[in-house]
Every structure is written in structure tokens, then in C-alpha cells.
All heavy atoms as atom14 arrays in JSON, in Angstrom:
{
  "sequence": "YPIQQIMVHDLTAITLRLKTDFIPDYLAASEQPSMGDLRR",
  "atom14_mask": [
    [1, 1, 1, 1, 1, 1, 1, 1, 1, 1, 1, 1, 0, 0],
    [1, 1, 1, 1, 1, 1, 1, 0, 0, 0, 0, 0, 0, 0],
    [1, 1, 1, 1, 1, 1, 1, 1, 0, 0, 0, 0, 0, 0],
    [1, 1, 1, 1, 1, 1, 1, 1, 1, 0, 0, 0, 0, 0],
    [1, 1, 1, 1, 1, 1, 1, 1, 1, 0, 0, 0, 0, 0],
    [1, 1, 1, 1, 1, 1, 1, 1, 0, 0, 0, 0, 0, 0],
    [1, 1, 1, 1, 1, 1, 1, 1, 0, 0, 0, 0, 0, 0],
    [1, 1, 1, 1, 1, 1, 1, 0, 0, 0, 0, 0, 0, 0],
    [1, 1, 1, 1, 1, 1, 1, 1, 1, 1, 0, 0, 0, 0],
    [1, 1, 1, 1, 1, 1, 1, 1, 0, 0, 0, 0, 0, 0],
    [1, 1, 1, 1, 1, 1, 1, 1, 0, 0, 0, 0, 0, 0],
    [1, 1, 1, 1, 1, 1, 1, 0, 0, 0, 0, 0, 0, 0],
    [1, 1, 1, 1, 1, 0, 0, 0, 0, 0, 0, 0, 0, 0],
    [1, 1, 1, 1, 1, 1, 1, 1, 0, 0, 0, 0, 0, 0],
    [1, 1, 1, 1, 1, 1, 1, 0, 0, 0, 0, 0, 0, 0],
    [1, 1, 1, 1, 1, 1, 1, 1, 0, 0, 0, 0, 0, 0],
    [1, 1, 1, 1, 1, 1, 1, 1, 1, 1, 1, 0, 0, 0],
    [1, 1, 1, 1, 1, 1, 1, 1, 0, 0, 0, 0, 0, 0],
    [1, 1, 1, 1, 1, 1, 1, 1, 1, 0, 0, 0, 0, 0],
    [1, 1, 1, 1, 1, 1, 1, 0, 0, 0, 0, 0, 0, 0],
    [1, 1, 1, 1, 1, 1, 1, 1, 0, 0, 0, 0, 0, 0],
    [1, 1, 1, 1, 1, 1, 1, 1, 1, 1, 1, 0, 0, 0],
    [1, 1, 1, 1, 1, 1, 1, 1, 0, 0, 0, 0, 0, 0],
    [1, 1, 1, 1, 1, 1, 1, 0, 0, 0, 0, 0, 0, 0],
    [1, 1, 1, 1, 1, 1, 1, 1, 0, 0, 0, 0, 0, 0],
    [1, 1, 1, 1, 1, 1, 1, 1, 1, 1, 1, 1, 0, 0],
    [1, 1, 1, 1, 1, 1, 1, 1, 0, 0, 0, 0, 0, 0],
    [1, 1, 1, 1, 1, 0, 0, 0, 0, 0, 0, 0, 0, 0],
    [1, 1, 1, 1, 1, 0, 0, 0, 0, 0, 0, 0, 0, 0],
    [1, 1, 1, 1, 1, 1, 0, 0, 0, 0, 0, 0, 0, 0],
    [1, 1, 1, 1, 1, 1, 1, 1, 1, 0, 0, 0, 0, 0],
    [1, 1, 1, 1, 1, 1, 1, 1, 1, 0, 0, 0, 0, 0],
    [1, 1, 1, 1, 1, 1, 1, 0, 0, 0, 0, 0, 0, 0],
    [1, 1, 1, 1, 1, 1, 0, 0, 0, 0, 0, 0, 0, 0],
    [1, 1, 1, 1, 1, 1, 1, 1, 0, 0, 0, 0, 0, 0],
    [1, 1, 1, 1, 0, 0, 0, 0, 0, 0, 0, 0, 0, 0],
    [1, 1, 1, 1, 1, 1, 1, 1, 0, 0, 0, 0, 0, 0],
    [1, 1, 1, 1, 1, 1, 1, 1, 0, 0, 0, 0, 0, 0],
    [1, 1, 1, 1, 1, 1, 1, 1, 1, 1, 1, 0, 0, 0],
    [1, 1, 1, 1, 1, 1, 1, 1, 1, 1, 1, 0, 0, 0]
  ],
  "atom14_positions": [
    [[187.9, -7.79, 161.61], [188.52, -8.65, 162.58], [187.72, -8.7, 163.9], [188.23, -8.24, 164.99], [189.94, -8.19, 162.88], [190.84, -8.13, 161.66], [191.16, -7.0, 161.03], [191.32, -9.36, 161.11], [191.94, -6.93, 159.89], [192.12, -9.32, 159.96], [192.43, -8.12, 159.36], [193.23, -8.11, 158.23], [0.0, 0.0, 0.0], [0.0, 0.0, 0.0]],
    [[186.54, -9.26, 163.96], [185.74, -9.25, 165.14], [186.3, -9.96, 166.31], [186.17, -9.51, 167.47], [184.43, -9.89, 164.69], [184.79, -10.67, 163.45], [185.9, -9.89, 162.77], [0.0, 0.0, 0.0], [0.0, 0.0, 0.0], [0.0, 0.0, 0.0], [0.0, 0.0, 0.0], [0.0, 0.0, 0.0], [0.0, 0.0, 0.0], [0.0, 0.0, 0.0]],
    [[187.0, -11.09, 166.1], [187.61, -11.82, 167.2], [188.67, -11.01, 167.9], [188.73, -10.94, 169.13], [188.19, -13.15, 166.74], [187.15, -14.05, 166.07], [188.84, -13.89, 167.86], [185.94, -14.35, 166.94], [0.0, 0.0, 0.0], [0.0, 0.0, 0.0], [0.0, 0.0, 0.0], [0.0, 0.0, 0.0], [0.0, 0.0, 0.0], [0.0, 0.0, 0.0]],
    [[189.51, -10.3, 167.11], [190.53, -9.44, 167.69], [189.88, -8.32, 168.44], [190.44, -7.85, 169.48], [191.46, -8.92, 166.59], [192.39, -9.94, 165.99], [191.75, -10.77, 164.89], [190.53, -10.85, 164.81], [192.59, -11.4, 164.04], [0.0, 0.0, 0.0], [0.0, 0.0, 0.0], [0.0, 0.0, 0.0], [0.0, 0.0, 0.0], [0.0, 0.0, 0.0]],
    [[188.8, -7.78, 167.96], [188.11, -6.7, 168.66], [187.62, -7.15, 170.08], [187.76, -6.4, 171.01], [186.91, -6.22, 167.85], [187.25, -5.49, 166.59], [186.06, -5.08, 165.79], [185.0, -4.88, 166.33], [186.2, -4.98, 164.46], [0.0, 0.0, 0.0], [0.0, 0.0, 0.0], [0.0, 0.0, 0.0], [0.0, 0.0, 0.0], [0.0, 0.0, 0.0]],
    [[187.11, -8.35, 170.08], [186.61, -8.87, 171.38], [187.79, -9.08, 172.33], [187.71, -8.73, 173.5], [185.91, -10.22, 171.15], [184.68, -10.04, 170.28], [185.5, -10.85, 172.51], [184.02, -11.34, 169.85], [0.0, 0.0, 0.0], [0.0, 0.0, 0.0], [0.0, 0.0, 0.0], [0.0, 0.0, 0.0], [0.0, 0.0, 0.0], [0.0, 0.0, 0.0]],
    [[188.95, -9.6, 171.81], [190.11, -9.84, 172.64], [190.67, -8.5, 173.21], [190.95, -8.43, 174.43], [191.18, -10.6, 171.84], [190.78, -11.97, 171.49], [191.98, -12.8, 170.37], [193.44, -12.83, 171.46], [0.0, 0.0, 0.0], [0.0, 0.0, 0.0], [0.0, 0.0, 0.0], [0.0, 0.0, 0.0], [0.0, 0.0, 0.0], [0.0, 0.0, 0.0]],
    [[190.73, -7.48, 172.38], [191.26, -6.23, 172.84], [190.29, -5.64, 173.85], [190.7, -5.05, 174.91], [191.4, -5.22, 171.64], [191.7, -3.83, 172.12], [192.51, -5.71, 170.72], [0.0, 0.0, 0.0], [0.0, 0.0, 0.0], [0.0, 0.0, 0.0], [0.0, 0.0, 0.0], [0.0, 0.0, 0.0], [0.0, 0.0, 0.0], [0.0, 0.0, 0.0]],
    [[189.01, -5.72, 173.64], [187.98, -5.23, 174.54], [188.15, -5.87, 175.91], [188.14, -5.15, 176.93], [186.59, -5.51, 173.97], [185.46, -4.82, 174.67], [184.88, -5.39, 175.82], [184.83, -3.66, 174.49], [183.93, -4.62, 176.24], [183.88, -3.54, 175.49], [0.0, 0.0, 0.0], [0.0, 0.0, 0.0], [0.0, 0.0, 0.0], [0.0, 0.0, 0.0]],
    [[188.24, -7.14, 175.9], [188.36, -7.84, 177.17], [189.69, -7.66, 177.89], [189.7, -7.48, 179.12], [188.12, -9.42, 176.99], [186.7, -9.73, 176.51], [185.82, -8.87, 176.73], [186.47, -10.84, 176.03], [0.0, 0.0, 0.0], [0.0, 0.0, 0.0], [0.0, 0.0, 0.0], [0.0, 0.0, 0.0], [0.0, 0.0, 0.0], [0.0, 0.0, 0.0]],
    [[190.74, -7.62, 177.11], [192.03, -7.43, 177.7], [192.13, -5.99, 178.31], [192.78, -5.82, 179.39], [193.15, -7.58, 176.64], [193.51, -9.01, 176.28], [194.51, -9.0, 175.13], [194.1, -9.74, 177.51], [0.0, 0.0, 0.0], [0.0, 0.0, 0.0], [0.0, 0.0, 0.0], [0.0, 0.0, 0.0], [0.0, 0.0, 0.0], [0.0, 0.0, 0.0]],
    [[191.54, -5.04, 177.7], [191.53, -3.67, 178.21], [190.75, -3.63, 179.52], [191.16, -2.99, 180.46], [190.87, -2.7, 177.17], [191.63, -2.82, 175.96], [190.99, -1.25, 177.71], [0.0, 0.0, 0.0], [0.0, 0.0, 0.0], [0.0, 0.0, 0.0], [0.0, 0.0, 0.0], [0.0, 0.0, 0.0], [0.0, 0.0, 0.0], [0.0, 0.0, 0.0]],
    [[189.59, -4.33, 179.53], [188.79, -4.35, 180.8], [189.57, -4.97, 181.92], [189.58, -4.46, 183.01], [187.5, -5.13, 180.5], [0.0, 0.0, 0.0], [0.0, 0.0, 0.0], [0.0, 0.0, 0.0], [0.0, 0.0, 0.0], [0.0, 0.0, 0.0], [0.0, 0.0, 0.0], [0.0, 0.0, 0.0], [0.0, 0.0, 0.0], [0.0, 0.0, 0.0]],
    [[190.2, -6.09, 181.64], [191.02, -6.77, 182.68], [192.2, -5.88, 183.13], [192.47, -5.79, 184.33], [191.53, -8.15, 182.18], [190.39, -9.05, 181.85], [192.51, -8.76, 183.16], [190.76, -10.3, 181.1], [0.0, 0.0, 0.0], [0.0, 0.0, 0.0], [0.0, 0.0, 0.0], [0.0, 0.0, 0.0], [0.0, 0.0, 0.0], [0.0, 0.0, 0.0]],
    [[192.82, -5.24, 182.19], [193.93, -4.32, 182.49], [193.52, -3.21, 183.45], [194.16, -2.93, 184.43], [194.5, -3.71, 181.22], [195.1, -4.77, 180.42], [195.58, -2.64, 181.53], [0.0, 0.0, 0.0], [0.0, 0.0, 0.0], [0.0, 0.0, 0.0], [0.0, 0.0, 0.0], [0.0, 0.0, 0.0], [0.0, 0.0, 0.0], [0.0, 0.0, 0.0]],
    [[192.38, -2.59, 183.16], [191.93, -1.45, 183.94], [191.4, -1.89, 185.26], [191.54, -1.2, 186.28], [190.91, -0.66, 183.15], [191.34, -0.02, 181.84], [190.23, 0.74, 181.16], [192.51, 0.92, 182.09], [0.0, 0.0, 0.0], [0.0, 0.0, 0.0], [0.0, 0.0, 0.0], [0.0, 0.0, 0.0], [0.0, 0.0, 0.0], [0.0, 0.0, 0.0]],
    [[190.77, -3.04, 185.32], [190.22, -3.55, 186.56], [191.27, -3.99, 187.52], [191.21, -3.68, 188.73], [189.21, -4.7, 186.27], [188.66, -5.33, 187.49], [187.74, -4.37, 188.26], [186.54, -4.07, 187.54], [185.64, -3.2, 187.92], [185.81, -2.55, 189.12], [184.52, -2.93, 187.24], [0.0, 0.0, 0.0], [0.0, 0.0, 0.0], [0.0, 0.0, 0.0]],
    [[192.33, -4.72, 187.03], [193.32, -5.26, 187.87], [194.51, -4.32, 188.04], [195.47, -4.65, 188.76], [193.81, -6.61, 187.38], [192.72, -7.7, 187.3], [193.34, -9.0, 186.8], [192.07, -7.94, 188.67], [0.0, 0.0, 0.0], [0.0, 0.0, 0.0], [0.0, 0.0, 0.0], [0.0, 0.0, 0.0], [0.0, 0.0, 0.0], [0.0, 0.0, 0.0]],
    [[194.5, -3.24, 187.25], [195.62, -2.28, 187.24], [196.95, -3.01, 186.88], [198.01, -2.67, 187.42], [195.74, -1.62, 188.56], [194.55, -0.67, 188.97], [194.8, 0.03, 190.28], [193.8, 1.09, 190.53], [192.45, 0.76, 190.42], [0.0, 0.0, 0.0], [0.0, 0.0, 0.0], [0.0, 0.0, 0.0], [0.0, 0.0, 0.0], [0.0, 0.0, 0.0]],
    [[196.85, -3.94, 185.96], [198.05, -4.65, 185.52], [197.96, -4.67, 183.95], [196.9, -4.99, 183.4], [198.05, -6.13, 186.02], [198.01, -6.1, 187.42], [199.29, -6.84, 185.54], [0.0, 0.0, 0.0], [0.0, 0.0, 0.0], [0.0, 0.0, 0.0], [0.0, 0.0, 0.0], [0.0, 0.0, 0.0], [0.0, 0.0, 0.0], [0.0, 0.0, 0.0]],
    [[199.02, -4.35, 183.32], [199.05, -4.22, 181.87], [199.07, -5.57, 181.19], [200.08, -6.26, 181.21], [200.21, -3.38, 181.4], [200.15, -2.98, 179.95], [199.18, -3.41, 179.26], [201.01, -2.25, 179.44], [0.0, 0.0, 0.0], [0.0, 0.0, 0.0], [0.0, 0.0, 0.0], [0.0, 0.0, 0.0], [0.0, 0.0, 0.0], [0.0, 0.0, 0.0]],
    [[197.93, -5.94, 180.57], [197.86, -7.16, 179.8], [197.82, -6.95, 178.3], [197.66, -7.88, 177.56], [196.58, -7.94, 180.23], [196.67, -8.54, 181.64], [196.04, -7.93, 182.66], [197.42, -9.67, 181.89], [196.06, -8.43, 183.93], [197.52, -10.19, 183.18], [196.85, -9.56, 184.18], [0.0, 0.0, 0.0], [0.0, 0.0, 0.0], [0.0, 0.0, 0.0]],
    [[197.85, -5.66, 177.91], [197.8, -5.32, 176.42], [199.15, -5.76, 175.82], [200.22, -5.4, 176.34], [197.55, -3.86, 176.27], [196.24, -3.39, 176.96], [197.52, -3.51, 174.79], [195.05, -4.03, 176.35], [0.0, 0.0, 0.0], [0.0, 0.0, 0.0], [0.0, 0.0, 0.0], [0.0, 0.0, 0.0], [0.0, 0.0, 0.0], [0.0, 0.0, 0.0]],
    [[199.12, -6.46, 174.7], [200.34, -6.86, 174.04], [201.22, -5.61, 173.71], [200.71, -4.55, 173.37], [199.86, -7.54, 172.75], [198.5, -8.06, 173.1], [197.91, -7.01, 174.03], [0.0, 0.0, 0.0], [0.0, 0.0, 0.0], [0.0, 0.0, 0.0], [0.0, 0.0, 0.0], [0.0, 0.0, 0.0], [0.0, 0.0, 0.0], [0.0, 0.0, 0.0]],
    [[202.53, -5.78, 173.74], [203.43, -4.65, 173.5], [203.24, -4.05, 172.09], [203.26, -2.83, 171.99], [204.89, -5.17, 173.65], [205.23, -5.48, 175.09], [204.5, -5.01, 175.99], [206.15, -6.25, 175.31], [0.0, 0.0, 0.0], [0.0, 0.0, 0.0], [0.0, 0.0, 0.0], [0.0, 0.0, 0.0], [0.0, 0.0, 0.0], [0.0, 0.0, 0.0]],
    [[203.0, -4.92, 171.1], [202.88, -4.4, 169.8], [201.61, -3.48, 169.62], [201.62, -2.55, 168.82], [202.81, -5.48, 168.74], [201.52, -6.29, 168.7], [200.47, -5.85, 167.9], [201.35, -7.37, 169.51], [199.26, -6.52, 167.83], [200.14, -8.07, 169.46], [199.12, -7.62, 168.67], [197.89, -8.3, 168.62], [0.0, 0.0, 0.0], [0.0, 0.0, 0.0]],
    [[200.62, -3.81, 170.43], [199.41, -2.97, 170.36], [199.53, -1.75, 171.23], [199.16, -0.63, 170.82], [198.21, -3.8, 170.82], [196.83, -3.12, 170.79], [196.54, -2.58, 169.37], [195.75, -4.05, 171.25], [0.0, 0.0, 0.0], [0.0, 0.0, 0.0], [0.0, 0.0, 0.0], [0.0, 0.0, 0.0], [0.0, 0.0, 0.0], [0.0, 0.0, 0.0]],
    [[200.06, -1.9, 172.43], [200.19, -0.76, 173.31], [201.11, 0.28, 172.8], [200.99, 1.48, 173.09], [200.7, -1.23, 174.7], [0.0, 0.0, 0.0], [0.0, 0.0, 0.0], [0.0, 0.0, 0.0], [0.0, 0.0, 0.0], [0.0, 0.0, 0.0], [0.0, 0.0, 0.0], [0.0, 0.0, 0.0], [0.0, 0.0, 0.0], [0.0, 0.0, 0.0]],
    [[202.09, -0.14, 171.99], [203.08, 0.83, 171.45], [202.69, 1.44, 170.17], [203.33, 2.31, 169.66], [204.44, 0.1, 171.35], [0.0, 0.0, 0.0], [0.0, 0.0, 0.0], [0.0, 0.0, 0.0], [0.0, 0.0, 0.0], [0.0, 0.0, 0.0], [0.0, 0.0, 0.0], [0.0, 0.0, 0.0], [0.0, 0.0, 0.0], [0.0, 0.0, 0.0]],
    [[201.59, 0.96, 169.6], [201.23, 1.43, 168.23], [200.46, 2.77, 168.34], [200.07, 3.17, 169.4], [200.33, 0.42, 167.55], [199.09, 0.32, 168.21], [0.0, 0.0, 0.0], [0.0, 0.0, 0.0], [0.0, 0.0, 0.0], [0.0, 0.0, 0.0], [0.0, 0.0, 0.0], [0.0, 0.0, 0.0], [0.0, 0.0, 0.0], [0.0, 0.0, 0.0]],
    [[200.32, 3.39, 167.21], [199.68, 4.7, 167.18], [198.15, 4.56, 167.03], [197.41, 5.42, 167.41], [200.16, 5.53, 166.0], [201.62, 5.94, 166.14], [201.82, 6.97, 167.21], [200.88, 7.75, 167.5], [202.92, 7.02, 167.81], [0.0, 0.0, 0.0], [0.0, 0.0, 0.0], [0.0, 0.0, 0.0], [0.0, 0.0, 0.0], [0.0, 0.0, 0.0]],
    [[197.69, 3.35, 166.63], [196.28, 3.22, 166.33], [195.73, 1.85, 166.77], [195.79, 0.9, 166.04], [196.05, 3.41, 164.85], [194.58, 3.51, 164.44], [194.48, 3.68, 162.94], [195.39, 3.65, 162.21], [193.24, 3.86, 162.5], [0.0, 0.0, 0.0], [0.0, 0.0, 0.0], [0.0, 0.0, 0.0], [0.0, 0.0, 0.0], [0.0, 0.0, 0.0]],
    [[195.15, 1.75, 167.97], [195.07, 2.78, 168.98], [196.22, 2.57, 170.01], [196.73, 1.5, 170.09], [193.72, 2.54, 169.65], [193.61, 1.04, 169.6], [194.27, 0.67, 168.32], [0.0, 0.0, 0.0], [0.0, 0.0, 0.0], [0.0, 0.0, 0.0], [0.0, 0.0, 0.0], [0.0, 0.0, 0.0], [0.0, 0.0, 0.0], [0.0, 0.0, 0.0]],
    [[196.56, 3.58, 170.73], [197.59, 3.47, 171.74], [196.94, 3.05, 173.04], [195.7, 2.99, 173.21], [198.32, 4.83, 171.96], [197.39, 5.73, 172.55], [0.0, 0.0, 0.0], [0.0, 0.0, 0.0], [0.0, 0.0, 0.0], [0.0, 0.0, 0.0], [0.0, 0.0, 0.0], [0.0, 0.0, 0.0], [0.0, 0.0, 0.0], [0.0, 0.0, 0.0]],
    [[197.79, 2.73, 174.05], [197.27, 2.3, 175.3], [196.46, 3.41, 175.95], [195.43, 3.23, 176.56], [198.41, 1.86, 176.22], [197.97, 1.33, 177.57], [196.94, -0.14, 177.41], [196.61, -0.46, 179.12], [0.0, 0.0, 0.0], [0.0, 0.0, 0.0], [0.0, 0.0, 0.0], [0.0, 0.0, 0.0], [0.0, 0.0, 0.0], [0.0, 0.0, 0.0]],
    [[196.95, 4.64, 175.73], [196.25, 5.8, 176.25], [194.87, 5.95, 175.69], [193.94, 6.31, 176.36], [0.0, 0.0, 0.0], [0.0, 0.0, 0.0], [0.0, 0.0, 0.0], [0.0, 0.0, 0.0], [0.0, 0.0, 0.0], [0.0, 0.0, 0.0], [0.0, 0.0, 0.0], [0.0, 0.0, 0.0], [0.0, 0.0, 0.0], [0.0, 0.0, 0.0]],
    [[194.8, 5.67, 174.37], [193.49, 5.79, 173.67], [192.52, 4.76, 174.3], [191.37, 5.06, 174.53], [193.63, 5.48, 172.18], [194.45, 6.58, 171.49], [194.38, 7.76, 171.95], [195.13, 6.25, 170.5], [0.0, 0.0, 0.0], [0.0, 0.0, 0.0], [0.0, 0.0, 0.0], [0.0, 0.0, 0.0], [0.0, 0.0, 0.0], [0.0, 0.0, 0.0]],
    [[193.0, 3.59, 174.54], [192.14, 2.53, 175.08], [191.67, 2.88, 176.48], [190.48, 2.68, 176.83], [192.86, 1.17, 175.1], [193.22, 0.56, 173.75], [194.06, -0.64, 173.95], [191.93, 0.16, 173.01], [0.0, 0.0, 0.0], [0.0, 0.0, 0.0], [0.0, 0.0, 0.0], [0.0, 0.0, 0.0], [0.0, 0.0, 0.0], [0.0, 0.0, 0.0]],
    [[192.53, 3.49, 177.25], [192.15, 3.91, 178.6], [191.08, 5.0, 178.58], [190.18, 5.02, 179.38], [193.41, 4.39, 179.37], [194.33, 3.25, 179.79], [195.44, 3.85, 180.66], [196.39, 2.79, 181.04], [196.26, 1.91, 182.0], [195.1, 1.89, 182.68], [197.15, 0.99, 182.26], [0.0, 0.0, 0.0], [0.0, 0.0, 0.0], [0.0, 0.0, 0.0]],
    [[191.2, 5.89, 177.61], [190.26, 7.0, 177.54], [188.88, 6.57, 177.06], [187.9, 7.12, 177.51], [190.83, 8.13, 176.61], [191.94, 8.95, 177.26], [192.21, 10.16, 176.45], [192.77, 9.84, 175.11], [194.08, 9.65, 174.86], [194.91, 9.8, 175.87], [194.52, 9.36, 173.71], [0.0, 0.0, 0.0], [0.0, 0.0, 0.0], [0.0, 0.0, 0.0]]
  ]
}
């Protein structure tokens, strides 16, 4: 799923840069990966 990888990559960058959560709820709440994992 390369397109989804790119979207997650960009959304994570925007989230961390603007300090505003743009990660979809279904992804941020999942175990693989969690929002904490993405931040690390």
C-alpha cells in the first residue's frame, strides 16, 4: 500500500510540525502502529 504509506508519512510530519493531531482516529487508536509509535 505505497499510497497509504505516503499519506501516513506526510500526515505524521504535519501533525508533529503543527502540534495538531491530523492522524485518523482508526489509525491513531490501532496497535500497529499507534500514534506513539509514529511519534517515536
